[in-house]
Amino acid sequence: MNHRTAQADARAKAVVRGTAVRGTAVRATAARRPRRARWWAPAGACALLAVLLLADRVAAGVAEGRMADRIAARQGALVAAPNVSIGGFPFLWSAAAGTYPEIEVEGRANTEDGLPVTASFDLHDVSRTAGGYAAARARAEFKVPLDALGAKSGPGVRLTGHDGRLEITRSVMGVPLVVTAALGLSGDTVTLEPTAASLAGRPLNPAGPQIAAALKAAERKLPDLPLGLVPSGISVDGGAVTVHGEAKDVTLPGEA
C-alpha cells in the first residue's frame, strides 16, 4: 500500500467514526427527550392538583365566613361572629350537590342574666331546602364557667368541679361549709343531689334537711335551647358546667 492509499483509508475511517459518534449523540438526545417528558407530566399534574385544592379550600372558607355572618345576624346573644367549619371533601362537590356531611359551629354568647356561655354545635347530614338548610341530627354543648356561676350564687360562694361532681364552698359564721353534689337533669331542670358535706372539716350528714333544702332551692330551670335542641345531659369538670343537647330534623334558616 502506497502513501496516498493509506491516507485515503484513514480519511474514510475517520468519516465512519464521526458518523457513528454523531449517530450515537442523536440517539442519546432522542432518548433524553422522552425521559424529560415523563418527568414533566407528573409535575404538571401535581401543580394542577395543588391549584384545585387551593380553590376548594378558598371556596370553603368563603362559605364558612358567610354562614358565620348569617348566624351572628340572627343570634343577638352572640358576643362575636362564631367559628364555622364545613366538613366534606371536595367542598365544591358538596356545594354543587347541596349537601354537607358535617358542619361545626362554635361561638360565645351571654344569657339573659349575663352568664357567659361557650356553645358548640355539631350538625350532621346537612342538605339544602327551599328556605335554607336542614340537618338530619344535631348535638350541642353549652359550657358555663364555674367562677361565673359562683358569682351569681351570692357573695362568698365558690364552685369547683371534682371527680365529676360539683363542690360548693361558702362561709357560715366564718366557718367553711363544703357540700359536694351530683348534677342531674329532670326534664329541663338542673337538680343537685348531695353526696358529701363538712363543716370546718368535720363530716356532716349530706342527707340532712337543711342541706337538702338549700340544694333544692339552688335548682334552676334551663332556658330554651336554640334550634329546638332538647337537654340530654349535664356534666361538670374543673372549670365549667356543660349542658348537652340533641335534636333531629333541625331547620337552619338562610344559605351556606
Protein backbone atom coordinates (compact mmCIF):
# COMPACT_ATOMS: atom_id res chain seq x y z
CA MET A 1 0.00 0.00 0.00
CA ASN A 2 1.41 3.36 -1.02
CA HIS A 3 1.26 6.59 0.94
CA ARG A 4 -1.76 8.02 -0.89
CA THR A 5 -3.81 4.85 -0.39
CA ALA A 6 -3.04 4.83 3.35
CA GLN A 7 -4.21 8.46 3.66
CA ALA A 8 -7.45 7.68 1.81
CA ASP A 9 -8.16 4.75 4.15
CA ALA A 10 -7.53 6.90 7.22
CA ARG A 11 -9.87 9.59 5.99
CA ALA A 12 -12.59 7.00 5.28
CA LYS A 13 -12.27 5.50 8.75
CA ALA A 14 -12.45 8.96 10.33
CA VAL A 15 -15.63 9.74 8.42
CA VAL A 16 -17.18 6.46 9.53
CA ARG A 17 -16.17 7.09 13.17
CA GLY A 18 -17.58 10.62 13.06
CA THR A 19 -20.82 9.44 11.60
CA ALA A 20 -21.09 6.79 14.31
CA VAL A 21 -20.41 9.32 17.05
CA ARG A 22 -22.98 11.73 15.65
CA GLY A 23 -25.49 8.91 15.36
CA THR A 24 -24.89 7.91 18.97
CA ALA A 25 -25.31 11.53 20.11
CA VAL A 26 -28.58 11.84 18.20
CA ARG A 27 -29.87 8.63 19.72
CA ALA A 28 -28.83 9.80 23.22
CA THR A 29 -30.57 13.14 22.72
CA ALA A 30 -33.68 11.38 21.44
CA ALA A 31 -33.59 9.08 24.48
CA ARG A 32 -33.34 12.05 26.88
CA ARG A 33 -36.39 13.80 25.46
CA PRO A 34 -38.95 11.12 26.47
CA ARG A 35 -37.43 11.00 29.95
CA ARG A 36 -37.94 14.76 30.34
CA ALA A 37 -41.48 14.40 29.09
CA ARG A 38 -42.10 11.66 31.65
CA TRP A 39 -40.81 13.97 34.40
CA TRP A 40 -42.86 16.98 33.32
CA ALA A 41 -46.18 15.09 33.11
CA PRO A 42 -46.47 14.19 36.83
CA ALA A 43 -45.11 17.61 37.83
CA GLY A 44 -47.85 19.29 35.82
CA ALA A 45 -50.49 17.00 37.34
CA CYS A 46 -49.27 17.83 40.86
CA ALA A 47 -49.39 21.56 40.12
CA LEU A 48 -52.94 21.25 38.79
CA LEU A 49 -53.99 19.26 41.85
CA ALA A 50 -52.48 21.89 44.16
CA VAL A 51 -54.43 24.64 42.37
CA LEU A 52 -57.66 22.65 42.66
CA LEU A 53 -57.07 22.01 46.37
CA LEU A 54 -56.38 25.69 46.97
CA ALA A 55 -59.51 26.71 45.09
CA ASP A 56 -61.57 24.19 47.06
CA ARG A 57 -60.30 25.47 50.41
CA VAL A 58 -60.82 29.10 49.40
CA ALA A 59 -64.41 28.34 48.40
CA ALA A 60 -64.98 26.52 51.70
CA GLY A 61 -63.54 29.48 53.63
CA VAL A 62 -65.83 31.92 51.86
CA ALA A 63 -68.88 29.75 52.57
CA GLU A 64 -67.88 29.36 56.23
CA GLY A 65 -67.49 33.13 56.58
CA ARG A 66 -70.89 33.79 55.00
CA MET A 67 -72.57 31.27 57.28
CA ALA A 68 -70.87 32.78 60.36
CA ASP A 69 -72.12 36.25 59.40
CA ARG A 70 -75.69 34.98 58.93
CA ILE A 71 -75.67 33.20 62.29
CA ALA A 72 -74.33 36.32 64.02
CA ALA A 73 -77.06 38.43 62.40
CA ARG A 74 -79.80 36.09 63.68
CA GLN A 75 -78.44 35.39 67.18
CA GLY A 76 -78.36 38.60 69.18
CA ALA A 77 -76.89 36.88 72.26
CA LEU A 78 -73.59 36.23 70.49
CA VAL A 79 -70.70 38.45 71.54
CA ALA A 80 -68.85 37.87 68.22
CA ALA A 81 -69.26 36.05 64.93
CA PRO A 82 -68.94 32.29 65.51
CA ASN A 83 -66.35 29.96 64.04
CA VAL A 84 -67.80 27.72 61.33
CA SER A 85 -66.19 24.63 59.82
CA ILE A 86 -67.84 22.84 56.89
CA GLY A 87 -66.75 19.21 56.55
CA GLY A 88 -66.59 17.10 53.43
CA PHE A 89 -64.05 16.97 50.62
CA PRO A 90 -64.06 18.20 48.00
CA PHE A 91 -66.15 21.12 49.23
CA LEU A 92 -67.13 22.27 45.73
CA TRP A 93 -68.65 18.86 45.02
CA SER A 94 -70.74 19.05 48.21
CA ALA A 95 -71.74 22.64 47.43
CA ALA A 96 -72.87 21.70 43.93
CA ALA A 97 -74.94 18.81 45.34
CA GLY A 98 -76.34 20.99 48.13
CA THR A 99 -75.35 18.51 50.87
CA TYR A 100 -72.67 18.59 53.56
CA PRO A 101 -71.78 15.60 55.76
CA GLU A 102 -70.97 17.78 58.77
CA ILE A 103 -70.94 21.41 59.86
CA GLU A 104 -69.39 22.53 63.15
CA VAL A 105 -70.20 25.87 64.78
CA GLU A 106 -68.64 27.34 67.91
CA GLY A 107 -69.49 30.72 69.42
CA ARG A 108 -69.58 32.75 72.62
CA ALA A 109 -72.75 34.32 73.97
CA ASN A 110 -74.33 35.78 77.10
CA THR A 111 -77.52 34.51 78.70
CA GLU A 112 -80.35 36.88 79.65
CA ASP A 113 -78.98 37.12 83.20
CA GLY A 114 -75.46 37.84 81.97
CA LEU A 115 -73.77 34.44 82.26
CA PRO A 116 -71.06 33.80 79.64
CA VAL A 117 -71.65 30.65 77.57
CA THR A 118 -69.49 28.87 75.01
CA ALA A 119 -71.71 26.92 72.61
CA SER A 120 -70.53 24.18 70.24
CA PHE A 121 -72.82 22.68 67.60
CA ASP A 122 -72.19 19.55 65.54
CA LEU A 123 -74.65 19.26 62.63
CA HIS A 124 -74.78 16.06 60.55
CA ASP A 125 -76.17 15.34 57.07
CA VAL A 126 -76.96 18.95 56.22
CA SER A 127 -78.92 19.47 52.99
CA ARG A 128 -80.35 22.41 51.06
CA THR A 129 -84.06 23.19 51.44
CA ALA A 130 -86.39 25.82 49.98
CA GLY A 131 -85.92 28.15 52.95
CA GLY A 132 -82.29 27.44 53.79
CA TYR A 133 -80.81 24.20 55.10
CA ALA A 134 -81.81 21.28 57.28
CA ALA A 135 -79.74 18.88 59.40
CA ALA A 136 -80.80 15.29 59.94
CA ARG A 137 -79.44 15.45 63.51
CA ALA A 138 -77.62 17.86 65.77
CA ARG A 139 -75.68 17.74 69.00
CA ALA A 140 -74.55 20.67 71.09
CA GLU A 141 -72.67 21.59 74.25
CA PHE A 142 -73.15 24.75 76.31
CA LYS A 143 -70.34 25.49 78.77
CA VAL A 144 -70.73 27.98 81.63
CA PRO A 145 -67.64 28.83 83.75
CA LEU A 146 -67.91 27.81 87.39
CA ASP A 147 -66.49 31.11 88.63
CA ALA A 148 -69.28 33.00 86.84
CA LEU A 149 -71.89 30.65 88.33
CA GLY A 150 -70.36 31.13 91.77
CA ALA A 151 -70.55 34.91 91.46
CA LYS A 152 -74.25 34.62 90.57
CA SER A 153 -74.88 32.34 93.57
CA GLY A 154 -74.06 35.01 96.11
CA PRO A 155 -71.11 36.59 97.92
CA GLY A 156 -68.54 34.20 99.33
CA VAL A 157 -69.70 31.23 97.27
CA ARG A 158 -67.06 29.24 95.41
CA LEU A 159 -67.83 26.45 92.96
CA THR A 160 -65.33 23.85 91.79
CA GLY A 161 -65.53 20.59 89.91
CA HIS A 162 -64.11 17.45 91.46
CA ASP A 163 -64.42 13.87 90.16
CA GLY A 164 -67.39 14.81 88.01
CA ARG A 165 -69.28 16.39 90.93
CA LEU A 166 -69.91 19.96 91.99
CA GLU A 167 -68.23 21.17 95.14
CA ILE A 168 -69.91 24.18 96.79
CA THR A 169 -67.97 26.13 99.40
CA ARG A 170 -69.32 29.02 101.42
CA SER A 171 -68.66 30.63 104.77
CA VAL A 172 -71.11 30.12 107.65
CA MET A 173 -70.30 32.44 110.57
CA GLY A 174 -66.69 32.45 109.46
CA VAL A 175 -66.53 28.65 109.19
CA PRO A 176 -66.22 26.94 105.79
CA LEU A 177 -69.18 24.75 104.79
CA VAL A 178 -68.41 22.38 101.90
CA VAL A 179 -71.16 20.44 100.13
CA THR A 180 -70.50 18.03 97.26
CA ALA A 181 -73.39 17.31 94.91
CA ALA A 182 -74.07 15.25 91.81
CA LEU A 183 -75.66 17.20 88.97
CA GLY A 184 -78.63 15.79 87.12
CA LEU A 185 -81.46 16.72 84.80
CA SER A 186 -85.15 16.34 85.44
CA GLY A 187 -86.66 17.39 82.15
CA ASP A 188 -85.22 20.87 81.65
CA THR A 189 -84.40 21.47 85.33
CA VAL A 190 -80.91 21.09 86.79
CA THR A 191 -81.01 19.08 90.02
CA LEU A 192 -78.40 18.69 92.77
CA GLU A 193 -78.13 15.52 94.83
CA PRO A 194 -75.88 15.89 97.92
CA THR A 195 -73.22 13.19 98.28
CA ALA A 196 -70.94 14.63 100.99
CA ALA A 197 -70.76 17.58 103.37
CA SER A 198 -68.47 19.02 106.02
CA LEU A 199 -68.35 21.99 108.37
CA ALA A 200 -64.93 23.25 109.46
CA GLY A 201 -63.50 19.97 108.15
CA ARG A 202 -65.89 17.80 110.21
CA PRO A 203 -68.21 15.45 108.29
CA LEU A 204 -71.92 16.20 108.17
CA ASN A 205 -74.84 14.07 107.06
CA PRO A 206 -75.37 15.14 103.41
CA ALA A 207 -78.99 13.97 103.58
CA GLY A 208 -79.75 16.35 106.43
CA PRO A 209 -82.86 18.51 105.93
CA GLN A 210 -81.02 21.84 105.90
CA ILE A 211 -78.55 20.74 103.22
CA ALA A 212 -81.29 19.11 101.15
CA ALA A 213 -83.43 22.25 101.37
CA ALA A 214 -80.53 24.52 100.37
CA LEU A 215 -79.74 22.40 97.31
CA LYS A 216 -83.40 22.20 96.37
CA ALA A 217 -83.58 25.98 96.39
CA ALA A 218 -80.50 26.11 94.15
CA GLU A 219 -82.14 24.08 91.37
CA ARG A 220 -82.59 26.03 88.14
CA LYS A 221 -84.66 25.59 85.01
CA LEU A 222 -82.66 25.74 81.79
CA PRO A 223 -83.57 28.38 79.23
CA ASP A 224 -84.88 27.19 75.87
CA LEU A 225 -82.03 25.84 73.79
CA PRO A 226 -81.64 27.09 70.19
CA LEU A 227 -82.57 25.07 67.09
CA GLY A 228 -85.14 23.06 69.03
CA LEU A 229 -82.43 21.19 70.93
CA VAL A 230 -83.59 19.07 73.88
CA PRO A 231 -81.38 18.80 77.00
CA SER A 232 -79.84 15.32 77.11
CA GLY A 233 -77.34 15.55 79.95
CA ILE A 234 -75.23 17.71 82.21
CA SER A 235 -71.64 17.33 83.39
CA VAL A 236 -69.02 19.24 85.35
CA ASP A 237 -65.24 19.44 85.22
CA GLY A 238 -62.66 21.59 86.96
CA GLY A 239 -63.65 24.78 85.16
CA ALA A 240 -67.20 24.62 83.82
CA VAL A 241 -70.65 23.09 83.89
CA THR A 242 -71.68 21.69 80.50
CA VAL A 243 -75.24 21.18 79.32
CA HIS A 244 -75.60 18.69 76.46
CA GLY A 245 -78.41 18.86 73.93
CA GLU A 246 -79.51 16.99 70.82
CA ALA A 247 -82.22 17.10 68.19
CA LYS A 248 -83.34 15.60 64.90
CA ASP A 249 -84.56 17.30 61.72
CA VAL A 250 -83.14 20.72 62.60
CA THR A 251 -84.00 23.69 60.36
CA LEU A 252 -81.27 26.21 59.55
CA PRO A 253 -82.59 29.43 58.01
CA GLY A 254 -80.56 31.14 55.29
CA GLU A 255 -77.96 29.86 52.85
CA ALA A 256 -74.49 28.45 53.49
